Amino acid sequence: MAARAKGVPSMRRVLWHALPNAAIPIVTIIGLKLGDLVAGSIIVETVFAVPGVGRLLVNAVTSRDFALVQAILIMVSVTMILANLAVDAIYTLIDPRMRAARSET
């Protein structure tokens, strides 16, 4: 309301004031959905007989190839860790308050 009272154009109000606050939950959901994407690929590759990492994991579990299962799970874990790191980095780009909060602690 204050920006509107000052006569700031509506597009600038949306881009400058509303978008950074609205982008934080969107970035969070996208980061969390990456895990769903990996888990969903296992199901889709198995059901539709598509060759990929998901089907390789299912075949490794059924044949009790524990080394391959561990390697795939480590790969998936590293992917999730990197996704969370990317989400945290994007937070600091979107909202300067996140940067200030980190420097105070």
PDB file of N, CA and C in Angstrom:
ATOM      1  N   MET A   1       0.822  -1.200   0.000  1.00  0.00           N
ATOM      2  CA  MET A   1       0.000   0.000   0.000  1.00  0.00           C
ATOM      3  C   MET A   1       0.857   1.250   0.000  1.00  0.00           C
ATOM      4  N   ALA A   2       1.989   1.226   0.696  1.00  0.00           N
ATOM      5  CA  ALA A   2       2.845   2.406   0.745  1.00  0.00           C
ATOM      6  C   ALA A   2       3.419   2.718  -0.627  1.00  0.00           C
ATOM      7  N   ALA A   3       3.840   1.688  -1.361  1.00  0.00           N
ATOM      8  CA  ALA A   3       4.381   1.914  -2.703  1.00  0.00           C
ATOM      9  C   ALA A   3       3.308   2.458  -3.628  1.00  0.00           C
ATOM     10  N   ARG A   4       2.096   1.970  -3.460  1.00  0.00           N
ATOM     11  CA  ARG A   4       0.993   2.467  -4.277  1.00  0.00           C
ATOM     12  C   ARG A   4       0.702   3.930  -3.951  1.00  0.00           C
ATOM     13  N   ALA A   5       0.758   4.264  -2.678  1.00  0.00           N
ATOM     14  CA  ALA A   5       0.508   5.644  -2.263  1.00  0.00           C
ATOM     15  C   ALA A   5       1.608   6.581  -2.767  1.00  0.00           C
ATOM     16  N   LYS A   6       2.820   6.059  -2.918  1.00  0.00           N
ATOM     17  CA  LYS A   6       3.921   6.886  -3.426  1.00  0.00           C
ATOM     18  C   LYS A   6       3.859   7.057  -4.940  1.00  0.00           C
ATOM     19  N   GLY A   7       2.989   6.299  -5.601  1.00  0.00           N
ATOM     20  CA  GLY A   7       2.831   6.419  -7.037  1.00  0.00           C
ATOM     21  C   GLY A   7       3.749   5.514  -7.833  1.00  0.00           C
ATOM     22  N   VAL A   8       4.254   4.441  -7.224  1.00  0.00           N
ATOM     23  CA  VAL A   8       5.111   3.492  -7.938  1.00  0.00           C
ATOM     24  C   VAL A   8       4.246   2.718  -8.922  1.00  0.00           C
ATOM     25  N   PRO A   9       4.707   2.562 -10.156  1.00  0.00           N
ATOM     26  CA  PRO A   9       3.915   1.810 -11.139  1.00  0.00           C
ATOM     27  C   PRO A   9       3.660   0.368 -10.687  1.00  0.00           C
ATOM     28  N   SER A  10       2.531  -0.180 -11.126  1.00  0.00           N
ATOM     29  CA  SER A  10       2.124  -1.501 -10.637  1.00  0.00           C
ATOM     30  C   SER A  10       3.102  -2.599 -11.041  1.00  0.00           C
ATOM     31  N   MET A  11       3.688  -2.540 -12.226  1.00  0.00           N
ATOM     32  CA  MET A  11       4.629  -3.566 -12.654  1.00  0.00           C
ATOM     33  C   MET A  11       5.872  -3.552 -11.759  1.00  0.00           C
ATOM     34  N   ARG A  12       6.346  -2.394 -11.411  1.00  0.00           N
ATOM     35  CA  ARG A  12       7.508  -2.301 -10.526  1.00  0.00           C
ATOM     36  C   ARG A  12       7.156  -2.808  -9.122  1.00  0.00           C
ATOM     37  N   ARG A  13       5.938  -2.535  -8.661  1.00  0.00           N
ATOM     38  CA  ARG A  13       5.523  -3.036  -7.349  1.00  0.00           C
ATOM     39  C   ARG A  13       5.533  -4.555  -7.339  1.00  0.00           C
ATOM     40  N   VAL A  14       5.038  -5.151  -8.411  1.00  0.00           N
ATOM     41  CA  VAL A  14       4.989  -6.614  -8.476  1.00  0.00           C
ATOM     42  C   VAL A  14       6.390  -7.184  -8.552  1.00  0.00           C
ATOM     43  N   LEU A  15       7.223  -6.659  -9.453  1.00  0.00           N
ATOM     44  CA  LEU A  15       8.561  -7.217  -9.656  1.00  0.00           C
ATOM     45  C   LEU A  15       9.491  -6.937  -8.482  1.00  0.00           C
ATOM     46  N   TRP A  16       9.395  -5.778  -7.886  1.00  0.00           N
ATOM     47  CA  TRP A  16      10.341  -5.388  -6.849  1.00  0.00           C
ATOM     48  C   TRP A  16       9.913  -5.841  -5.454  1.00  0.00           C
ATOM     49  N   HIS A  17       8.607  -5.794  -5.164  1.00  0.00           N
ATOM     50  CA  HIS A  17       8.146  -6.077  -3.806  1.00  0.00           C
ATOM     51  C   HIS A  17       7.521  -7.466  -3.655  1.00  0.00           C
ATOM     52  N   ALA A  18       6.704  -7.863  -4.589  1.00  0.00           N
ATOM     53  CA  ALA A  18       5.959  -9.113  -4.429  1.00  0.00           C
ATOM     54  C   ALA A  18       6.735 -10.335  -4.908  1.00  0.00           C
ATOM     55  N   LEU A  19       7.443 -10.221  -6.019  1.00  0.00           N
ATOM     56  CA  LEU A  19       8.103 -11.388  -6.601  1.00  0.00           C
ATOM     57  C   LEU A  19       9.150 -12.031  -5.691  1.00  0.00           C
ATOM     58  N   PRO A  20      10.047 -11.271  -5.057  1.00  0.00           N
ATOM     59  CA  PRO A  20      11.011 -11.942  -4.168  1.00  0.00           C
ATOM     60  C   PRO A  20      10.354 -12.697  -3.016  1.00  0.00           C
ATOM     61  N   ASN A  21       9.295 -12.165  -2.462  1.00  0.00           N
ATOM     62  CA  ASN A  21       8.608 -12.855  -1.367  1.00  0.00           C
ATOM     63  C   ASN A  21       7.839 -14.077  -1.859  1.00  0.00           C
ATOM     64  N   ALA A  22       7.304 -14.007  -3.065  1.00  0.00           N
ATOM     65  CA  ALA A  22       6.565 -15.138  -3.614  1.00  0.00           C
ATOM     66  C   ALA A  22       7.493 -16.216  -4.164  1.00  0.00           C
ATOM     67  N   ALA A  23       8.722 -15.861  -4.497  1.00  0.00           N
ATOM     68  CA  ALA A  23       9.641 -16.821  -5.113  1.00  0.00           C
ATOM     69  C   ALA A  23      10.223 -17.804  -4.097  1.00  0.00           C
ATOM     70  N   ILE A  24      10.290 -17.440  -2.836  1.00  0.00           N
ATOM     71  CA  ILE A  24      10.908 -18.321  -1.836  1.00  0.00           C
ATOM     72  C   ILE A  24      10.160 -19.644  -1.706  1.00  0.00           C
ATOM     73  N   PRO A  25       8.842 -19.665  -1.520  1.00  0.00           N
ATOM     74  CA  PRO A  25       8.168 -20.973  -1.461  1.00  0.00           C
ATOM     75  C   PRO A  25       8.203 -21.728  -2.783  1.00  0.00           C
ATOM     76  N   ILE A  26       8.225 -21.013  -3.897  1.00  0.00           N
ATOM     77  CA  ILE A  26       8.289 -21.682  -5.193  1.00  0.00           C
ATOM     78  C   ILE A  26       9.619 -22.408  -5.345  1.00  0.00           C
ATOM     79  N   VAL A  27      10.708 -21.764  -4.974  1.00  0.00           N
ATOM     80  CA  VAL A  27      12.033 -22.387  -5.049  1.00  0.00           C
ATOM     81  C   VAL A  27      12.101 -23.587  -4.106  1.00  0.00           C
ATOM     82  N   THR A  28      11.505 -23.466  -2.923  1.00  0.00           N
ATOM     83  CA  THR A  28      11.496 -24.573  -1.978  1.00  0.00           C
ATOM     84  C   THR A  28      10.773 -25.784  -2.550  1.00  0.00           C
ATOM     85  N   ILE A  29       9.613 -25.572  -3.124  1.00  0.00           N
ATOM     86  CA  ILE A  29       8.832 -26.678  -3.685  1.00  0.00           C
ATOM     87  C   ILE A  29       9.565 -27.317  -4.856  1.00  0.00           C
ATOM     88  N   ILE A  30      10.189 -26.513  -5.708  1.00  0.00           N
ATOM     89  CA  ILE A  30      10.934 -27.074  -6.838  1.00  0.00           C
ATOM     90  C   ILE A  30      12.091 -27.930  -6.337  1.00  0.00           C
ATOM     91  N   GLY A  31      12.786 -27.480  -5.299  1.00  0.00           N
ATOM     92  CA  GLY A  31      13.878 -28.273  -4.733  1.00  0.00           C
ATOM     93  C   GLY A  31      13.403 -29.581  -4.137  1.00  0.00           C
ATOM     94  N   LEU A  32      12.258 -29.568  -3.474  1.00  0.00           N
ATOM     95  CA  LEU A  32      11.727 -30.792  -2.893  1.00  0.00           C
ATOM     96  C   LEU A  32      11.178 -31.738  -3.957  1.00  0.00           C
ATOM     97  N   LYS A  33      10.648 -31.192  -5.024  1.00  0.00           N
ATOM     98  CA  LYS A  33      10.090 -32.027  -6.082  1.00  0.00           C
ATOM     99  C   LYS A  33      11.164 -32.774  -6.857  1.00  0.00           C
ATOM    100  N   LEU A  34      12.419 -32.351  -6.743  1.00  0.00           N
ATOM    101  CA  LEU A  34      13.495 -33.083  -7.405  1.00  0.00           C
ATOM    102  C   LEU A  34      13.591 -34.497  -6.850  1.00  0.00           C
ATOM    103  N   GLY A  35      13.383 -34.666  -5.550  1.00  0.00           N
ATOM    104  CA  GLY A  35      13.363 -36.000  -4.958  1.00  0.00           C
ATOM    105  C   GLY A  35      12.211 -36.836  -5.475  1.00  0.00           C
ATOM    106  N   ASP A  36      11.060 -36.219  -5.663  1.00  0.00           N
ATOM    107  CA  ASP A  36       9.917 -36.935  -6.238  1.00  0.00           C
ATOM    108  C   ASP A  36      10.202 -37.353  -7.677  1.00  0.00           C
ATOM    109  N   LEU A  37      10.928 -36.516  -8.393  1.00  0.00           N
ATOM    110  CA  LEU A  37      11.268 -36.834  -9.778  1.00  0.00           C
ATOM    111  C   LEU A  37      12.164 -38.070  -9.852  1.00  0.00           C
ATOM    112  N   VAL A  38      13.138 -38.150  -8.965  1.00  0.00           N
ATOM    113  CA  VAL A  38      14.035 -39.308  -8.950  1.00  0.00           C
ATOM    114  C   VAL A  38      13.265 -40.561  -8.537  1.00  0.00           C
ATOM    115  N   ALA A  39      12.439 -40.453  -7.511  1.00  0.00           N
ATOM    116  CA  ALA A  39      11.661 -41.611  -7.057  1.00  0.00           C
ATOM    117  C   ALA A  39      10.644 -42.028  -8.117  1.00  0.00           C
ATOM    118  N   GLY A  40      10.052 -41.072  -8.790  1.00  0.00           N
ATOM    119  CA  GLY A  40       9.086 -41.382  -9.836  1.00  0.00           C
ATOM    120  C   GLY A  40       9.729 -42.036 -11.041  1.00  0.00           C
ATOM    121  N   SER A  41      10.990 -41.708 -11.291  1.00  0.00           N
ATOM    122  CA  SER A  41      11.658 -42.322 -12.443  1.00  0.00           C
ATOM    123  C   SER A  41      11.852 -43.818 -12.229  1.00  0.00           C
ATOM    124  N   ILE A  42      12.045 -44.216 -10.992  1.00  0.00           N
ATOM    125  CA  ILE A  42      12.190 -45.641 -10.697  1.00  0.00           C
ATOM    126  C   ILE A  42      10.911 -46.383 -11.075  1.00  0.00           C
ATOM    127  N   ILE A  43       9.776 -45.823 -10.700  1.00  0.00           N
ATOM    128  CA  ILE A  43       8.489 -46.461 -10.994  1.00  0.00           C
ATOM    129  C   ILE A  43       8.198 -46.446 -12.487  1.00  0.00           C
ATOM    130  N   VAL A  44       8.396 -45.299 -13.128  1.00  0.00           N
ATOM    131  CA  VAL A  44       8.082 -45.177 -14.556  1.00  0.00           C
ATOM    132  C   VAL A  44       8.976 -46.092 -15.391  1.00  0.00           C
ATOM    133  N   GLU A  45      10.276 -46.131 -15.064  1.00  0.00           N
ATOM    134  CA  GLU A  45      11.189 -46.971 -15.842  1.00  0.00           C
ATOM    135  C   GLU A  45      10.868 -48.451 -15.659  1.00  0.00           C
ATOM    136  N   THR A  46      10.409 -48.826 -14.479  1.00  0.00           N
ATOM    137  CA  THR A  46      10.066 -50.230 -14.246  1.00  0.00           C
ATOM    138  C   THR A  46       8.766 -50.604 -14.957  1.00  0.00           C
ATOM    139  N   VAL A  47       7.756 -49.764 -14.856  1.00  0.00           N
ATOM    140  CA  VAL A  47       6.452 -50.074 -15.449  1.00  0.00           C
ATOM    141  C   VAL A  47       6.528 -50.097 -16.974  1.00  0.00           C
ATOM    142  N   PHE A  48       7.211 -49.116 -17.557  1.00  0.00           N
ATOM    143  CA  PHE A  48       7.238 -49.009 -19.015  1.00  0.00           C
ATOM    144  C   PHE A  48       8.478 -49.643 -19.642  1.00  0.00           C
ATOM    145  N   ALA A  49       9.278 -50.350 -18.869  1.00  0.00           N
ATOM    146  CA  ALA A  49      10.469 -51.064 -19.347  1.00  0.00           C
ATOM    147  C   ALA A  49      11.434 -50.142 -20.085  1.00  0.00           C
ATOM    148  N   VAL A  50      11.610 -48.956 -19.548  1.00  0.00           N
ATOM    149  CA  VAL A  50      12.551 -47.997 -20.116  1.00  0.00           C
ATOM    150  C   VAL A  50      13.905 -48.211 -19.444  1.00  0.00           C
ATOM    151  N   PRO A  51      14.968 -48.358 -20.217  1.00  0.00           N
ATOM    152  CA  PRO A  51      16.267 -48.529 -19.570  1.00  0.00           C
ATOM    153  C   PRO A  51      16.733 -47.216 -18.945  1.00  0.00           C
ATOM    154  N   GLY A  52      17.182 -47.306 -17.703  1.00  0.00           N
ATOM    155  CA  GLY A  52      17.652 -46.126 -16.992  1.00  0.00           C
ATOM    156  C   GLY A  52      18.129 -46.504 -15.610  1.00  0.00           C
ATOM    157  N   VAL A  53      18.440 -45.491 -14.821  1.00  0.00           N
ATOM    158  CA  VAL A  53      18.977 -45.726 -13.485  1.00  0.00           C
ATOM    159  C   VAL A  53      17.922 -46.356 -12.575  1.00  0.00           C
ATOM    160  N   GLY A  54      16.672 -45.974 -12.734  1.00  0.00           N
ATOM    161  CA  GLY A  54      15.617 -46.553 -11.912  1.00  0.00           C
ATOM    162  C   GLY A  54      15.444 -48.033 -12.149  1.00  0.00           C
ATOM    163  N   ARG A  55      15.425 -48.406 -13.397  1.00  0.00           N
ATOM    164  CA  ARG A  55      15.296 -49.834 -13.720  1.00  0.00           C
ATOM    165  C   ARG A  55      16.553 -50.592 -13.302  1.00  0.00           C
ATOM    166  N   LEU A  56      17.718 -49.951 -13.443  1.00  0.00           N
ATOM    167  CA  LEU A  56      18.964 -50.569 -13.003  1.00  0.00           C
ATOM    168  C   LEU A  56      18.927 -50.831 -11.500  1.00  0.00           C
ATOM    169  N   LEU A  57      18.364 -49.895 -10.742  1.00  0.00           N
ATOM    170  CA  LEU A  57      18.247 -50.072  -9.291  1.00  0.00           C
ATOM    171  C   LEU A  57      17.324 -51.242  -8.962  1.00  0.00           C
ATOM    172  N   VAL A  58      16.211 -51.334  -9.631  1.00  0.00           N
ATOM    173  CA  VAL A  58      15.272 -52.438  -9.378  1.00  0.00           C
ATOM    174  C   VAL A  58      15.922 -53.776  -9.724  1.00  0.00           C
ATOM    175  N   ASN A  59      16.617 -53.833 -10.852  1.00  0.00           N
ATOM    176  CA  ASN A  59      17.303 -55.072 -11.225  1.00  0.00           C
ATOM    177  C   ASN A  59      18.405 -55.424 -10.239  1.00  0.00           C
ATOM    178  N   ALA A  60      19.113 -54.425  -9.728  1.00  0.00           N
ATOM    179  CA  ALA A  60      20.175 -54.683  -8.753  1.00  0.00           C
ATOM    180  C   ALA A  60      19.596 -55.192  -7.437  1.00  0.00           C
ATOM    181  N   VAL A  61      18.442 -54.681  -7.042  1.00  0.00           N
ATOM    182  CA  VAL A  61      17.808 -55.152  -5.803  1.00  0.00           C
ATOM    183  C   VAL A  61      17.331 -56.589  -5.965  1.00  0.00           C
ATOM    184  N   THR A  62      16.716 -56.883  -7.097  1.00  0.00           N
ATOM    185  CA  THR A  62      16.214 -58.249  -7.291  1.00  0.00           C
ATOM    186  C   THR A  62      17.338 -59.267  -7.436  1.00  0.00           C
ATOM    187  N   SER A  63      18.481 -58.844  -7.971  1.00  0.00           N
ATOM    188  CA  SER A  63      19.602 -59.778  -8.101  1.00  0.00           C
ATOM    189  C   SER A  63      20.572 -59.690  -6.921  1.00  0.00           C
ATOM    190  N   ARG A  64      20.236 -58.904  -5.928  1.00  0.00           N
ATOM    191  CA  ARG A  64      21.025 -58.743  -4.696  1.00  0.00           C
ATOM    192  C   ARG A  64      22.451 -58.260  -4.961  1.00  0.00           C
ATOM    193  N   ASP A  65      22.576 -57.327  -5.868  1.00  0.00           N
ATOM    194  CA  ASP A  65      23.868 -56.702  -6.152  1.00  0.00           C
ATOM    195  C   ASP A  65      23.994 -55.475  -5.244  1.00  0.00           C
ATOM    196  N   PHE A  66      24.474 -55.701  -4.029  1.00  0.00           N
ATOM    197  CA  PHE A  66      24.475 -54.665  -3.005  1.00  0.00           C
ATOM    198  C   PHE A  66      25.414 -53.510  -3.332  1.00  0.00           C
ATOM    199  N   ALA A  67      26.514 -53.783  -3.994  1.00  0.00           N
ATOM    200  CA  ALA A  67      27.445 -52.713  -4.357  1.00  0.00           C
ATOM    201  C   ALA A  67      26.790 -51.733  -5.327  1.00  0.00           C
ATOM    202  N   LEU A  68      26.069 -52.254  -6.295  1.00  0.00           N
ATOM    203  CA  LEU A  68      25.385 -51.390  -7.260  1.00  0.00           C
ATOM    204  C   LEU A  68      24.251 -50.614  -6.593  1.00  0.00           C
ATOM    205  N   VAL A  69      23.534 -51.264  -5.706  1.00  0.00           N
ATOM    206  CA  VAL A  69      22.461 -50.576  -4.975  1.00  0.00           C
ATOM    207  C   VAL A  69      23.046 -49.428  -4.158  1.00  0.00           C
ATOM    208  N   GLN A  70      24.142 -49.670  -3.466  1.00  0.00           N
ATOM    209  CA  GLN A  70      24.782 -48.618  -2.680  1.00  0.00           C
ATOM    210  C   GLN A  70      25.255 -47.479  -3.567  1.00  0.00           C
ATOM    211  N   ALA A  71      25.847 -47.801  -4.717  1.00  0.00           N
ATOM    212  CA  ALA A  71      26.334 -46.758  -5.618  1.00  0.00           C
ATOM    213  C   ALA A  71      25.189 -45.884  -6.127  1.00  0.00           C
ATOM    214  N   ILE A  72      24.085 -46.508  -6.492  1.00  0.00           N
ATOM    215  CA  ILE A  72      22.942 -45.736  -6.991  1.00  0.00           C
ATOM    216  C   ILE A  72      22.345 -44.886  -5.880  1.00  0.00           C
ATOM    217  N   LEU A  73      22.225 -45.424  -4.686  1.00  0.00           N
ATOM    218  CA  LEU A  73      21.674 -44.650  -3.568  1.00  0.00           C
ATOM    219  C   LEU A  73      22.585 -43.490  -3.185  1.00  0.00           C
ATOM    220  N   ILE A  74      23.892 -43.693  -3.273  1.00  0.00           N
ATOM    221  CA  ILE A  74      24.819 -42.583  -3.000  1.00  0.00           C
ATOM    222  C   ILE A  74      24.661 -41.511  -4.073  1.00  0.00           C
ATOM    223  N   MET A  75      24.501 -41.928  -5.325  1.00  0.00           N
ATOM    224  CA  MET A  75      24.309 -40.970  -6.409  1.00  0.00           C
ATOM    225  C   MET A  75      23.025 -40.157  -6.203  1.00  0.00           C
ATOM    226  N   VAL A  76      21.962 -40.823  -5.815  1.00  0.00           N
ATOM    227  CA  VAL A  76      20.700 -40.127  -5.558  1.00  0.00           C
ATOM    228  C   VAL A  76      20.840 -39.189  -4.361  1.00  0.00           C
ATOM    229  N   SER A  77      21.545 -39.635  -3.322  1.00  0.00           N
ATOM    230  CA  SER A  77      21.752 -38.796  -2.144  1.00  0.00           C
ATOM    231  C   SER A  77      22.562 -37.555  -2.477  1.00  0.00           C
ATOM    232  N   VAL A  78      23.613 -37.711  -3.262  1.00  0.00           N
ATOM    233  CA  VAL A  78      24.425 -36.556  -3.659  1.00  0.00           C
ATOM    234  C   VAL A  78      23.603 -35.590  -4.496  1.00  0.00           C
ATOM    235  N   THR A  79      22.747 -36.129  -5.356  1.00  0.00           N
ATOM    236  CA  THR A  79      21.871 -35.275  -6.152  1.00  0.00           C
ATOM    237  C   THR A  79      20.948 -34.451  -5.264  1.00  0.00           C
ATOM    238  N   MET A  80      20.380 -35.078  -4.242  1.00  0.00           N
ATOM    239  CA  MET A  80      19.495 -34.350  -3.327  1.00  0.00           C
ATOM    240  C   MET A  80      20.260 -33.310  -2.520  1.00  0.00           C
ATOM    241  N   ILE A  81      21.459 -33.642  -2.090  1.00  0.00           N
ATOM    242  CA  ILE A  81      22.270 -32.683  -1.337  1.00  0.00           C
ATOM    243  C   ILE A  81      22.609 -31.476  -2.205  1.00  0.00           C
ATOM    244  N   LEU A  82      22.985 -31.720  -3.454  1.00  0.00           N
ATOM    245  CA  LEU A  82      23.288 -30.618  -4.360  1.00  0.00           C
ATOM    246  C   LEU A  82      22.051 -29.778  -4.670  1.00  0.00           C
ATOM    247  N   ALA A  83      20.896 -30.422  -4.759  1.00  0.00           N
ATOM    248  CA  ALA A  83      19.656 -29.672  -4.990  1.00  0.00           C
ATOM    249  C   ALA A  83      19.352 -28.765  -3.793  1.00  0.00           C
ATOM    250  N   ASN A  84      19.530 -29.283  -2.580  1.00  0.00           N
ATOM    251  CA  ASN A  84      19.305 -28.455  -1.392  1.00  0.00           C
ATOM    252  C   ASN A  84      20.315 -27.322  -1.305  1.00  0.00           C
ATOM    253  N   LEU A  85      21.557 -27.585  -1.687  1.00  0.00           N
ATOM    254  CA  LEU A  85      22.566 -26.530  -1.703  1.00  0.00           C
ATOM    255  C   LEU A  85      22.216 -25.457  -2.723  1.00  0.00           C
ATOM    256  N   ALA A  86      21.735 -25.874  -3.878  1.00  0.00           N
ATOM    257  CA  ALA A  86      21.329 -24.911  -4.902  1.00  0.00           C
ATOM    258  C   ALA A  86      20.136 -24.074  -4.423  1.00  0.00           C
ATOM    259  N   VAL A  87      19.191 -24.700  -3.742  1.00  0.00           N
ATOM    260  CA  VAL A  87      18.039 -23.966  -3.207  1.00  0.00           C
ATOM    261  C   VAL A  87      18.509 -22.925  -2.190  1.00  0.00           C
ATOM    262  N   ASP A  88      19.436 -23.297  -1.316  1.00  0.00           N
ATOM    263  CA  ASP A  88      19.955 -22.335  -0.340  1.00  0.00           C
ATOM    264  C   ASP A  88      20.690 -21.189  -1.016  1.00  0.00           C
ATOM    265  N   ALA A  89      21.433 -21.476  -2.079  1.00  0.00           N
ATOM    266  CA  ALA A  89      22.138 -20.421  -2.808  1.00  0.00           C
ATOM    267  C   ALA A  89      21.149 -19.484  -3.496  1.00  0.00           C
ATOM    268  N   ILE A  90      20.083 -20.053  -4.039  1.00  0.00           N
ATOM    269  CA  ILE A  90      19.071 -19.222  -4.699  1.00  0.00           C
ATOM    270  C   ILE A  90      18.341 -18.357  -3.678  1.00  0.00           C
ATOM    271  N   TYR A  91      18.137 -18.872  -2.465  1.00  0.00           N
ATOM    272  CA  TYR A  91      17.527 -18.060  -1.410  1.00  0.00           C
ATOM    273  C   TYR A  91      18.304 -16.768  -1.197  1.00  0.00           C
ATOM    274  N   THR A  92      19.633 -16.868  -1.122  1.00  0.00           N
ATOM    275  CA  THR A  92      20.441 -15.672  -0.864  1.00  0.00           C
ATOM    276  C   THR A  92      20.399 -14.708  -2.039  1.00  0.00           C
ATOM    277  N   LEU A  93      20.195 -15.213  -3.253  1.00  0.00           N
ATOM    278  CA  LEU A  93      20.066 -14.317  -4.395  1.00  0.00           C
ATOM    279  C   LEU A  93      18.715 -13.616  -4.413  1.00  0.00           C
ATOM    280  N   ILE A  94      17.677 -14.337  -4.002  1.00  0.00           N
ATOM    281  CA  ILE A  94      16.326 -13.781  -4.053  1.00  0.00           C
ATOM    282  C   ILE A  94      16.087 -12.766  -2.944  1.00  0.00           C
ATOM    283  N   ASP A  95      16.460 -13.124  -1.729  1.00  0.00           N
ATOM    284  CA  ASP A  95      16.102 -12.315  -0.569  1.00  0.00           C
ATOM    285  C   ASP A  95      17.354 -11.890   0.190  1.00  0.00           C
ATOM    286  N   PRO A  96      17.673 -10.613   0.195  1.00  0.00           N
ATOM    287  CA  PRO A  96      18.870 -10.154   0.902  1.00  0.00           C
ATOM    288  C   PRO A  96      18.802 -10.376   2.416  1.00  0.00           C
ATOM    289  N   ARG A  97      17.599 -10.530   2.955  1.00  0.00           N
ATOM    290  CA  ARG A  97      17.492 -10.788   4.400  1.00  0.00           C
ATOM    291  C   ARG A  97      18.110 -12.125   4.768  1.00  0.00           C
ATOM    292  N   MET A  98      18.096 -13.078   3.852  1.00  0.00           N
ATOM    293  CA  MET A  98      18.736 -14.377   4.108  1.00  0.00           C
ATOM    294  C   MET A  98      20.245 -14.200   4.262  1.00  0.00           C
ATOM    295  N   ARG A  99      20.839 -13.331   3.438  1.00  0.00           N
ATOM    296  CA  ARG A  99      22.265 -13.052   3.535  1.00  0.00           C
ATOM    297  C   ARG A  99      22.586 -12.384   4.854  1.00  0.00           C
ATOM    298  N   ALA A 100      21.762 -11.436   5.268  1.00  0.00           N
ATOM    299  CA  ALA A 100      22.002 -10.726   6.523  1.00  0.00           C
ATOM    300  C   ALA A 100      21.839 -11.654   7.713  1.00  0.00           C
ATOM    301  N   ALA A 101      20.898 -12.576   7.640  1.00  0.00           N
ATOM    302  CA  ALA A 101      20.687 -13.510   8.739  1.00  0.00           C
ATOM    303  C   ALA A 101      21.870 -14.446   8.887  1.00  0.00           C
ATOM    304  N   ARG A 102      22.499 -14.840   7.799  1.00  0.00           N
ATOM    305  CA  ARG A 102      23.656 -15.739   7.871  1.00  0.00           C
ATOM    306  C   ARG A 102      24.873 -15.034   8.434  1.00  0.00           C
ATOM    307  N   SER A 103      25.061 -13.765   8.106  1.00  0.00           N
ATOM    308  CA  SER A 103      26.250 -13.067   8.570  1.00  0.00           C
ATOM    309  C   SER A 103      26.171 -12.710  10.059  1.00  0.00           C
ATOM    310  N   GLU A 104      24.960 -12.653  10.606  1.00  0.00           N
ATOM    311  CA  GLU A 104      24.804 -12.320  12.023  1.00  0.00           C
ATOM    312  C   GLU A 104      25.097 -13.508  12.926  1.00  0.00           C
ATOM    313  N   THR A 105      24.897 -14.722  12.460  1.00  0.00           N
ATOM    314  CA  THR A 105      25.106 -15.892  13.311  1.00  0.00           C
ATOM    315  C   THR A 105      26.528 -16.341  13.345  1.00  0.00           C
TER     316      THR A 105
END
